[in-house]
Amino acid sequence: ETAGVPVILLCDVSGPAEELSGLTRGAAD
């Protein structure tokens, strides 16, 4: 039901490292 569905990660204010990690794991944004 969710394969191929874009995922946007909701991140805490903890710097760009968490955001880049999420993008590397396949998050769309």
mmCIF file of all heavy atoms, coordinates in Angstrom:
data_MODEL
# 
_entry.id   MODEL 
# 
loop_
_atom_site.group_PDB 
_atom_site.id 
_atom_site.type_symbol 
_atom_site.label_atom_id 
_atom_site.label_alt_id 
_atom_site.label_comp_id 
_atom_site.label_asym_id 
_atom_site.label_entity_id 
_atom_site.label_seq_id 
_atom_site.pdbx_PDB_ins_code 
_atom_site.Cartn_x 
_atom_site.Cartn_y 
_atom_site.Cartn_z 
_atom_site.occupancy 
_atom_site.B_iso_or_equiv 
_atom_site.pdbx_formal_charge 
_atom_site.auth_seq_id 
_atom_site.auth_comp_id 
_atom_site.auth_asym_id 
_atom_site.auth_atom_id 
_atom_site.pdbx_PDB_model_num 
ATOM 1   N N   . GLU A 1 1  ? 0.804  -1.219 0.000  1.00 0.00 ? 1  GLU A N   1 
ATOM 2   C CA  . GLU A 1 1  ? 0.000  0.000  0.000  1.00 0.00 ? 1  GLU A CA  1 
ATOM 3   C C   . GLU A 1 1  ? 0.839  1.274  0.000  1.00 0.00 ? 1  GLU A C   1 
ATOM 4   O O   . GLU A 1 1  ? 0.346  2.346  -0.373 1.00 0.00 ? 1  GLU A O   1 
ATOM 5   C CB  . GLU A 1 1  ? -0.923 0.032  1.227  1.00 0.00 ? 1  GLU A CB  1 
ATOM 6   C CG  . GLU A 1 1  ? -1.885 -1.129 1.339  1.00 0.00 ? 1  GLU A CG  1 
ATOM 7   C CD  . GLU A 1 1  ? -1.296 -2.286 2.143  1.00 0.00 ? 1  GLU A CD  1 
ATOM 8   O OE1 . GLU A 1 1  ? -0.048 -2.350 2.305  1.00 0.00 ? 1  GLU A OE1 1 
ATOM 9   O OE2 . GLU A 1 1  ? -2.099 -3.116 2.603  1.00 0.00 ? 1  GLU A OE2 1 
ATOM 10  N N   . THR A 1 2  ? 2.099  1.170  0.422  1.00 0.00 ? 2  THR A N   1 
ATOM 11  C CA  . THR A 1 2  ? 2.913  2.382  0.563  1.00 0.00 ? 2  THR A CA  1 
ATOM 12  C C   . THR A 1 2  ? 4.183  2.380  -0.280 1.00 0.00 ? 2  THR A C   1 
ATOM 13  O O   . THR A 1 2  ? 4.890  3.393  -0.335 1.00 0.00 ? 2  THR A O   1 
ATOM 14  C CB  . THR A 1 2  ? 3.305  2.582  2.038  1.00 0.00 ? 2  THR A CB  1 
ATOM 15  O OG1 . THR A 1 2  ? 3.974  1.403  2.521  1.00 0.00 ? 2  THR A OG1 1 
ATOM 16  C CG2 . THR A 1 2  ? 2.073  2.845  2.893  1.00 0.00 ? 2  THR A CG2 1 
ATOM 17  N N   . ALA A 1 3  ? 4.503  1.277  -0.946 1.00 0.00 ? 3  ALA A N   1 
ATOM 18  C CA  . ALA A 1 3  ? 5.695  1.237  -1.803 1.00 0.00 ? 3  ALA A CA  1 
ATOM 19  C C   . ALA A 1 3  ? 5.571  2.279  -2.908 1.00 0.00 ? 3  ALA A C   1 
ATOM 20  O O   . ALA A 1 3  ? 4.563  2.349  -3.606 1.00 0.00 ? 3  ALA A O   1 
ATOM 21  C CB  . ALA A 1 3  ? 5.850  -0.151 -2.406 1.00 0.00 ? 3  ALA A CB  1 
ATOM 22  N N   . GLY A 1 4  ? 6.581  3.100  -3.045 1.00 0.00 ? 4  GLY A N   1 
ATOM 23  C CA  . GLY A 1 4  ? 6.565  4.132  -4.075 1.00 0.00 ? 4  GLY A CA  1 
ATOM 24  C C   . GLY A 1 4  ? 5.880  5.409  -3.665 1.00 0.00 ? 4  GLY A C   1 
ATOM 25  O O   . GLY A 1 4  ? 5.911  6.401  -4.416 1.00 0.00 ? 4  GLY A O   1 
ATOM 26  N N   . VAL A 1 5  ? 5.250  5.426  -2.492 1.00 0.00 ? 5  VAL A N   1 
ATOM 27  C CA  . VAL A 1 5  ? 4.582  6.640  -2.022 1.00 0.00 ? 5  VAL A CA  1 
ATOM 28  C C   . VAL A 1 5  ? 5.641  7.579  -1.426 1.00 0.00 ? 5  VAL A C   1 
ATOM 29  O O   . VAL A 1 5  ? 6.432  7.155  -0.580 1.00 0.00 ? 5  VAL A O   1 
ATOM 30  C CB  . VAL A 1 5  ? 3.511  6.306  -0.959 1.00 0.00 ? 5  VAL A CB  1 
ATOM 31  C CG1 . VAL A 1 5  ? 2.911  7.591  -0.376 1.00 0.00 ? 5  VAL A CG1 1 
ATOM 32  C CG2 . VAL A 1 5  ? 2.428  5.433  -1.561 1.00 0.00 ? 5  VAL A CG2 1 
ATOM 33  N N   . PRO A 1 6  ? 5.705  8.836  -1.840 1.00 0.00 ? 6  PRO A N   1 
ATOM 34  C CA  . PRO A 1 6  ? 6.705  9.749  -1.286 1.00 0.00 ? 6  PRO A CA  1 
ATOM 35  C C   . PRO A 1 6  ? 6.486  9.978  0.198  1.00 0.00 ? 6  PRO A C   1 
ATOM 36  O O   . PRO A 1 6  ? 5.351  10.102 0.667  1.00 0.00 ? 6  PRO A O   1 
ATOM 37  C CB  . PRO A 1 6  ? 6.511  11.042 -2.098 1.00 0.00 ? 6  PRO A CB  1 
ATOM 38  C CG  . PRO A 1 6  ? 5.131  10.953 -2.654 1.00 0.00 ? 6  PRO A CG  1 
ATOM 39  C CD  . PRO A 1 6  ? 4.857  9.501  -2.856 1.00 0.00 ? 6  PRO A CD  1 
ATOM 40  N N   . VAL A 1 7  ? 7.594  10.026 0.944  1.00 0.00 ? 7  VAL A N   1 
ATOM 41  C CA  . VAL A 1 7  ? 7.550  10.228 2.385  1.00 0.00 ? 7  VAL A CA  1 
ATOM 42  C C   . VAL A 1 7  ? 8.313  11.500 2.740  1.00 0.00 ? 7  VAL A C   1 
ATOM 43  O O   . VAL A 1 7  ? 9.466  11.680 2.337  1.00 0.00 ? 7  VAL A O   1 
ATOM 44  C CB  . VAL A 1 7  ? 8.180  9.043  3.133  1.00 0.00 ? 7  VAL A CB  1 
ATOM 45  C CG1 . VAL A 1 7  ? 8.193  9.307  4.648  1.00 0.00 ? 7  VAL A CG1 1 
ATOM 46  C CG2 . VAL A 1 7  ? 7.422  7.752  2.825  1.00 0.00 ? 7  VAL A CG2 1 
ATOM 47  N N   . ILE A 1 8  ? 7.669  12.391 3.481  1.00 0.00 ? 8  ILE A N   1 
ATOM 48  C CA  . ILE A 1 8  ? 8.317  13.585 4.007  1.00 0.00 ? 8  ILE A CA  1 
ATOM 49  C C   . ILE A 1 8  ? 8.563  13.357 5.492  1.00 0.00 ? 8  ILE A C   1 
ATOM 50  O O   . ILE A 1 8  ? 7.630  13.097 6.247  1.00 0.00 ? 8  ILE A O   1 
ATOM 51  C CB  . ILE A 1 8  ? 7.448  14.842 3.810  1.00 0.00 ? 8  ILE A CB  1 
ATOM 52  C CG1 . ILE A 1 8  ? 7.200  15.097 2.320  1.00 0.00 ? 8  ILE A CG1 1 
ATOM 53  C CG2 . ILE A 1 8  ? 8.120  16.055 4.447  1.00 0.00 ? 8  ILE A CG2 1 
ATOM 54  C CD1 . ILE A 1 8  ? 6.298  16.297 2.049  1.00 0.00 ? 8  ILE A CD1 1 
ATOM 55  N N   . LEU A 1 9  ? 9.821  13.430 5.908  1.00 0.00 ? 9  LEU A N   1 
ATOM 56  C CA  . LEU A 1 9  ? 10.153 13.250 7.317  1.00 0.00 ? 9  LEU A CA  1 
ATOM 57  C C   . LEU A 1 9  ? 9.924  14.540 8.094  1.00 0.00 ? 9  LEU A C   1 
ATOM 58  O O   . LEU A 1 9  ? 10.347 15.622 7.664  1.00 0.00 ? 9  LEU A O   1 
ATOM 59  C CB  . LEU A 1 9  ? 11.612 12.825 7.471  1.00 0.00 ? 9  LEU A CB  1 
ATOM 60  C CG  . LEU A 1 9  ? 11.975 11.381 7.106  1.00 0.00 ? 9  LEU A CG  1 
ATOM 61  C CD1 . LEU A 1 9  ? 13.451 11.139 7.400  1.00 0.00 ? 9  LEU A CD1 1 
ATOM 62  C CD2 . LEU A 1 9  ? 11.124 10.374 7.867  1.00 0.00 ? 9  LEU A CD2 1 
ATOM 63  N N   . LEU A 1 10 ? 9.255  14.426 9.226  1.00 0.00 ? 10 LEU A N   1 
ATOM 64  C CA  . LEU A 1 10 ? 9.045  15.541 10.138 1.00 0.00 ? 10 LEU A CA  1 
ATOM 65  C C   . LEU A 1 10 ? 10.156 15.481 11.176 1.00 0.00 ? 10 LEU A C   1 
ATOM 66  O O   . LEU A 1 10 ? 10.191 14.573 12.013 1.00 0.00 ? 10 LEU A O   1 
ATOM 67  C CB  . LEU A 1 10 ? 7.673  15.437 10.799 1.00 0.00 ? 10 LEU A CB  1 
ATOM 68  C CG  . LEU A 1 10 ? 6.479  15.342 9.828  1.00 0.00 ? 10 LEU A CG  1 
ATOM 69  C CD1 . LEU A 1 10 ? 5.181  15.144 10.603 1.00 0.00 ? 10 LEU A CD1 1 
ATOM 70  C CD2 . LEU A 1 10 ? 6.400  16.575 8.946  1.00 0.00 ? 10 LEU A CD2 1 
ATOM 71  N N   . CYS A 1 11 ? 11.098 16.430 11.099 1.00 0.00 ? 11 CYS A N   1 
ATOM 72  C CA  . CYS A 1 11 ? 12.318 16.358 11.906 1.00 0.00 ? 11 CYS A CA  1 
ATOM 73  C C   . CYS A 1 11 ? 12.303 17.377 13.037 1.00 0.00 ? 11 CYS A C   1 
ATOM 74  O O   . CYS A 1 11 ? 11.782 18.482 12.888 1.00 0.00 ? 11 CYS A O   1 
ATOM 75  C CB  . CYS A 1 11 ? 13.547 16.619 11.034 1.00 0.00 ? 11 CYS A CB  1 
ATOM 76  S SG  . CYS A 1 11 ? 13.761 15.444 9.691  1.00 0.00 ? 11 CYS A SG  1 
ATOM 77  N N   . ASP A 1 12 ? 12.912 17.008 14.164 1.00 0.00 ? 12 ASP A N   1 
ATOM 78  C CA  . ASP A 1 12 ? 13.126 17.964 15.246 1.00 0.00 ? 12 ASP A CA  1 
ATOM 79  C C   . ASP A 1 12 ? 14.195 18.961 14.825 1.00 0.00 ? 12 ASP A C   1 
ATOM 80  O O   . ASP A 1 12 ? 14.981 18.710 13.906 1.00 0.00 ? 12 ASP A O   1 
ATOM 81  C CB  . ASP A 1 12 ? 13.588 17.239 16.516 1.00 0.00 ? 12 ASP A CB  1 
ATOM 82  C CG  . ASP A 1 12 ? 12.497 16.326 17.062 1.00 0.00 ? 12 ASP A CG  1 
ATOM 83  O OD1 . ASP A 1 12 ? 11.316 16.684 16.921 1.00 0.00 ? 12 ASP A OD1 1 
ATOM 84  O OD2 . ASP A 1 12 ? 12.838 15.261 17.603 1.00 0.00 ? 12 ASP A OD2 1 
ATOM 85  N N   . VAL A 1 13 ? 14.229 20.110 15.502 1.00 0.00 ? 13 VAL A N   1 
ATOM 86  C CA  . VAL A 1 13 ? 15.220 21.133 15.181 1.00 0.00 ? 13 VAL A CA  1 
ATOM 87  C C   . VAL A 1 13 ? 16.563 20.688 15.751 1.00 0.00 ? 13 VAL A C   1 
ATOM 88  O O   . VAL A 1 13 ? 16.916 20.999 16.878 1.00 0.00 ? 13 VAL A O   1 
ATOM 89  C CB  . VAL A 1 13 ? 14.809 22.503 15.747 1.00 0.00 ? 13 VAL A CB  1 
ATOM 90  C CG1 . VAL A 1 13 ? 15.837 23.558 15.364 1.00 0.00 ? 13 VAL A CG1 1 
ATOM 91  C CG2 . VAL A 1 13 ? 13.438 22.888 15.234 1.00 0.00 ? 13 VAL A CG2 1 
ATOM 92  N N   . SER A 1 14 ? 17.296 19.921 14.957 1.00 0.00 ? 14 SER A N   1 
ATOM 93  C CA  . SER A 1 14 ? 18.562 19.355 15.453 1.00 0.00 ? 14 SER A CA  1 
ATOM 94  C C   . SER A 1 14 ? 19.690 19.484 14.447 1.00 0.00 ? 14 SER A C   1 
ATOM 95  O O   . SER A 1 14 ? 20.685 18.796 14.541 1.00 0.00 ? 14 SER A O   1 
ATOM 96  C CB  . SER A 1 14 ? 18.348 17.879 15.808 1.00 0.00 ? 14 SER A CB  1 
ATOM 97  O OG  . SER A 1 14 ? 17.863 17.166 14.673 1.00 0.00 ? 14 SER A OG  1 
ATOM 98  N N   . GLY A 1 15 ? 19.533 20.342 13.476 1.00 0.00 ? 15 GLY A N   1 
ATOM 99  C CA  . GLY A 1 15 ? 20.599 20.544 12.510 1.00 0.00 ? 15 GLY A CA  1 
ATOM 100 C C   . GLY A 1 15 ? 20.399 19.746 11.233 1.00 0.00 ? 15 GLY A C   1 
ATOM 101 O O   . GLY A 1 15 ? 19.527 18.888 11.146 1.00 0.00 ? 15 GLY A O   1 
ATOM 102 N N   . PRO A 1 16 ? 21.225 20.025 10.196 1.00 0.00 ? 16 PRO A N   1 
ATOM 103 C CA  . PRO A 1 16 ? 21.038 19.398 8.883  1.00 0.00 ? 16 PRO A CA  1 
ATOM 104 C C   . PRO A 1 16 ? 21.393 17.922 8.820  1.00 0.00 ? 16 PRO A C   1 
ATOM 105 O O   . PRO A 1 16 ? 21.000 17.240 7.881  1.00 0.00 ? 16 PRO A O   1 
ATOM 106 C CB  . PRO A 1 16 ? 21.970 20.210 7.978  1.00 0.00 ? 16 PRO A CB  1 
ATOM 107 C CG  . PRO A 1 16 ? 23.021 20.759 8.892  1.00 0.00 ? 16 PRO A CG  1 
ATOM 108 C CD  . PRO A 1 16 ? 22.318 21.015 10.203 1.00 0.00 ? 16 PRO A CD  1 
ATOM 109 N N   . ALA A 1 17 ? 22.129 17.385 9.805  1.00 0.00 ? 17 ALA A N   1 
ATOM 110 C CA  . ALA A 1 17 ? 22.566 15.985 9.732  1.00 0.00 ? 17 ALA A CA  1 
ATOM 111 C C   . ALA A 1 17 ? 21.371 15.040 9.673  1.00 0.00 ? 17 ALA A C   1 
ATOM 112 O O   . ALA A 1 17 ? 21.363 14.075 8.897  1.00 0.00 ? 17 ALA A O   1 
ATOM 113 C CB  . ALA A 1 17 ? 23.445 15.655 10.939 1.00 0.00 ? 17 ALA A CB  1 
ATOM 114 N N   . GLU A 1 18 ? 20.349 15.297 10.489 1.00 0.00 ? 18 GLU A N   1 
ATOM 115 C CA  . GLU A 1 18 ? 19.172 14.430 10.505 1.00 0.00 ? 18 GLU A CA  1 
ATOM 116 C C   . GLU A 1 18 ? 18.439 14.495 9.165  1.00 0.00 ? 18 GLU A C   1 
ATOM 117 O O   . GLU A 1 18 ? 17.965 13.482 8.647  1.00 0.00 ? 18 GLU A O   1 
ATOM 118 C CB  . GLU A 1 18 ? 18.229 14.864 11.632 1.00 0.00 ? 18 GLU A CB  1 
ATOM 119 C CG  . GLU A 1 18 ? 17.002 13.962 11.784 1.00 0.00 ? 18 GLU A CG  1 
ATOM 120 C CD  . GLU A 1 18 ? 16.048 14.443 12.868 1.00 0.00 ? 18 GLU A CD  1 
ATOM 121 O OE1 . GLU A 1 18 ? 16.374 15.427 13.560 1.00 0.00 ? 18 GLU A OE1 1 
ATOM 122 O OE2 . GLU A 1 18 ? 14.973 13.842 13.002 1.00 0.00 ? 18 GLU A OE2 1 
ATOM 123 N N   . GLU A 1 19 ? 18.371 15.699 8.593  1.00 0.00 ? 19 GLU A N   1 
ATOM 124 C CA  . GLU A 1 19 ? 17.701 15.852 7.310  1.00 0.00 ? 19 GLU A CA  1 
ATOM 125 C C   . GLU A 1 19 ? 18.436 15.091 6.215  1.00 0.00 ? 19 GLU A C   1 
ATOM 126 O O   . GLU A 1 19 ? 17.826 14.380 5.411  1.00 0.00 ? 19 GLU A O   1 
ATOM 127 C CB  . GLU A 1 19 ? 17.605 17.343 6.960  1.00 0.00 ? 19 GLU A CB  1 
ATOM 128 C CG  . GLU A 1 19 ? 16.768 18.144 7.958  1.00 0.00 ? 19 GLU A CG  1 
ATOM 129 C CD  . GLU A 1 19 ? 16.857 19.638 7.721  1.00 0.00 ? 19 GLU A CD  1 
ATOM 130 O OE1 . GLU A 1 19 ? 17.918 20.098 7.248  1.00 0.00 ? 19 GLU A OE1 1 
ATOM 131 O OE2 . GLU A 1 19 ? 15.874 20.344 7.991  1.00 0.00 ? 19 GLU A OE2 1 
ATOM 132 N N   . LEU A 1 20 ? 19.771 15.231 6.166  1.00 0.00 ? 20 LEU A N   1 
ATOM 133 C CA  . LEU A 1 20 ? 20.555 14.545 5.144  1.00 0.00 ? 20 LEU A CA  1 
ATOM 134 C C   . LEU A 1 20 ? 20.475 13.031 5.308  1.00 0.00 ? 20 LEU A C   1 
ATOM 135 O O   . LEU A 1 20 ? 20.423 12.290 4.331  1.00 0.00 ? 20 LEU A O   1 
ATOM 136 C CB  . LEU A 1 20 ? 22.014 15.016 5.205  1.00 0.00 ? 20 LEU A CB  1 
ATOM 137 C CG  . LEU A 1 20 ? 22.272 16.443 4.716  1.00 0.00 ? 20 LEU A CG  1 
ATOM 138 C CD1 . LEU A 1 20 ? 23.717 16.837 4.974  1.00 0.00 ? 20 LEU A CD1 1 
ATOM 139 C CD2 . LEU A 1 20 ? 21.942 16.577 3.234  1.00 0.00 ? 20 LEU A CD2 1 
ATOM 140 N N   . SER A 1 21 ? 20.446 12.567 6.560  1.00 0.00 ? 21 SER A N   1 
ATOM 141 C CA  . SER A 1 21 ? 20.319 11.141 6.812  1.00 0.00 ? 21 SER A CA  1 
ATOM 142 C C   . SER A 1 21 ? 19.008 10.615 6.261  1.00 0.00 ? 21 SER A C   1 
ATOM 143 O O   . SER A 1 21 ? 18.956 9.546  5.633  1.00 0.00 ? 21 SER A O   1 
ATOM 144 C CB  . SER A 1 21 ? 20.408 10.862 8.314  1.00 0.00 ? 21 SER A CB  1 
ATOM 145 O OG  . SER A 1 21 ? 20.174 9.490  8.594  1.00 0.00 ? 21 SER A OG  1 
ATOM 146 N N   . GLY A 1 22 ? 17.927 11.368 6.475  1.00 0.00 ? 22 GLY A N   1 
ATOM 147 C CA  . GLY A 1 22 ? 16.624 10.953 5.972  1.00 0.00 ? 22 GLY A CA  1 
ATOM 148 C C   . GLY A 1 22 ? 16.586 10.894 4.462  1.00 0.00 ? 22 GLY A C   1 
ATOM 149 O O   . GLY A 1 22 ? 16.035 9.952  3.873  1.00 0.00 ? 22 GLY A O   1 
ATOM 150 N N   . LEU A 1 23 ? 17.197 11.874 3.815  1.00 0.00 ? 23 LEU A N   1 
ATOM 151 C CA  . LEU A 1 23 ? 17.226 11.882 2.348  1.00 0.00 ? 23 LEU A CA  1 
ATOM 152 C C   . LEU A 1 23 ? 18.023 10.690 1.818  1.00 0.00 ? 23 LEU A C   1 
ATOM 153 O O   . LEU A 1 23 ? 17.657 10.076 0.818  1.00 0.00 ? 23 LEU A O   1 
ATOM 154 C CB  . LEU A 1 23 ? 17.828 13.193 1.838  1.00 0.00 ? 23 LEU A CB  1 
ATOM 155 C CG  . LEU A 1 23 ? 17.000 14.449 2.086  1.00 0.00 ? 23 LEU A CG  1 
ATOM 156 C CD1 . LEU A 1 23 ? 17.800 15.697 1.723  1.00 0.00 ? 23 LEU A CD1 1 
ATOM 157 C CD2 . LEU A 1 23 ? 15.713 14.411 1.277  1.00 0.00 ? 23 LEU A CD2 1 
ATOM 158 N N   . THR A 1 24 ? 19.123 10.373 2.505  1.00 0.00 ? 24 THR A N   1 
ATOM 159 C CA  . THR A 1 24 ? 19.931 9.229  2.093  1.00 0.00 ? 24 THR A CA  1 
ATOM 160 C C   . THR A 1 24 ? 19.163 7.922  2.220  1.00 0.00 ? 24 THR A C   1 
ATOM 161 O O   . THR A 1 24 ? 19.324 7.010  1.397  1.00 0.00 ? 24 THR A O   1 
ATOM 162 C CB  . THR A 1 24 ? 21.213 9.156  2.951  1.00 0.00 ? 24 THR A CB  1 
ATOM 163 O OG1 . THR A 1 24 ? 21.937 10.380 2.820  1.00 0.00 ? 24 THR A OG1 1 
ATOM 164 C CG2 . THR A 1 24 ? 22.099 8.009  2.502  1.00 0.00 ? 24 THR A CG2 1 
ATOM 165 N N   . ARG A 1 25 ? 18.283 7.820  3.220  1.00 0.00 ? 25 ARG A N   1 
ATOM 166 C CA  . ARG A 1 25 ? 17.498 6.608  3.432  1.00 0.00 ? 25 ARG A CA  1 
ATOM 167 C C   . ARG A 1 25 ? 16.310 6.504  2.478  1.00 0.00 ? 25 ARG A C   1 
ATOM 168 O O   . ARG A 1 25 ? 15.620 5.490  2.461  1.00 0.00 ? 25 ARG A O   1 
ATOM 169 C CB  . ARG A 1 25 ? 16.977 6.556  4.870  1.00 0.00 ? 25 ARG A CB  1 
ATOM 170 C CG  . ARG A 1 25 ? 18.045 6.452  5.943  1.00 0.00 ? 25 ARG A CG  1 
ATOM 171 C CD  . ARG A 1 25 ? 18.825 5.141  5.872  1.00 0.00 ? 25 ARG A CD  1 
ATOM 172 N NE  . ARG A 1 25 ? 18.024 3.985  6.224  1.00 0.00 ? 25 ARG A NE  1 
ATOM 173 C CZ  . ARG A 1 25 ? 17.983 3.441  7.430  1.00 0.00 ? 25 ARG A CZ  1 
ATOM 174 N NH1 . ARG A 1 25 ? 18.675 3.989  8.422  1.00 0.00 ? 25 ARG A NH1 1 
ATOM 175 N NH2 . ARG A 1 25 ? 17.273 2.348  7.654  1.00 0.00 ? 25 ARG A NH2 1 
ATOM 176 N N   . GLY A 1 26 ? 16.068 7.545  1.696  1.00 0.00 ? 26 GLY A N   1 
ATOM 177 C CA  . GLY A 1 26 ? 15.005 7.447  0.700  1.00 0.00 ? 26 GLY A CA  1 
ATOM 178 C C   . GLY A 1 26 ? 13.833 8.382  0.890  1.00 0.00 ? 26 GLY A C   1 
ATOM 179 O O   . GLY A 1 26 ? 12.869 8.335  0.118  1.00 0.00 ? 26 GLY A O   1 
ATOM 180 N N   . ALA A 1 27 ? 13.887 9.251  1.900  1.00 0.00 ? 27 ALA A N   1 
ATOM 181 C CA  . ALA A 1 27 ? 12.808 10.226 2.068  1.00 0.00 ? 27 ALA A CA  1 
ATOM 182 C C   . ALA A 1 27 ? 12.788 11.184 0.879  1.00 0.00 ? 27 ALA A C   1 
ATOM 183 O O   . ALA A 1 27 ? 13.824 11.531 0.324  1.00 0.00 ? 27 ALA A O   1 
ATOM 184 C CB  . ALA A 1 27 ? 12.986 11.007 3.362  1.00 0.00 ? 27 ALA A CB  1 
ATOM 185 N N   . ALA A 1 28 ? 11.593 11.613 0.493  1.00 0.00 ? 28 ALA A N   1 
ATOM 186 C CA  . ALA A 1 28 ? 11.472 12.559 -0.613 1.00 0.00 ? 28 ALA A CA  1 
ATOM 187 C C   . ALA A 1 28 ? 11.834 13.964 -0.176 1.00 0.00 ? 28 ALA A C   1 
ATOM 188 O O   . ALA A 1 28 ? 12.281 14.784 -0.982 1.00 0.00 ? 28 ALA A O   1 
ATOM 189 C CB  . ALA A 1 28 ? 10.047 12.540 -1.162 1.00 0.00 ? 28 ALA A CB  1 
ATOM 190 N N   . ASP A 1 29 ? 11.665 14.251 1.124  1.00 0.00 ? 29 ASP A N   1 
ATOM 191 C CA  . ASP A 1 29 ? 11.887 15.603 1.611  1.00 0.00 ? 29 ASP A CA  1 
ATOM 192 C C   . ASP A 1 29 ? 11.880 15.568 3.133  1.00 0.00 ? 29 ASP A C   1 
ATOM 193 O O   . ASP A 1 29 ? 11.572 14.547 3.746  1.00 0.00 ? 29 ASP A O   1 
ATOM 194 C CB  . ASP A 1 29 ? 10.787 16.540 1.098  1.00 0.00 ? 29 ASP A CB  1 
ATOM 195 C CG  . ASP A 1 29 ? 11.195 18.004 1.111  1.00 0.00 ? 29 ASP A CG  1 
ATOM 196 O OD1 . ASP A 1 29 ? 12.267 18.328 1.651  1.00 0.00 ? 29 ASP A OD1 1 
ATOM 197 O OD2 . ASP A 1 29 ? 10.432 18.833 0.577  1.00 0.00 ? 29 ASP A OD2 1 
# 
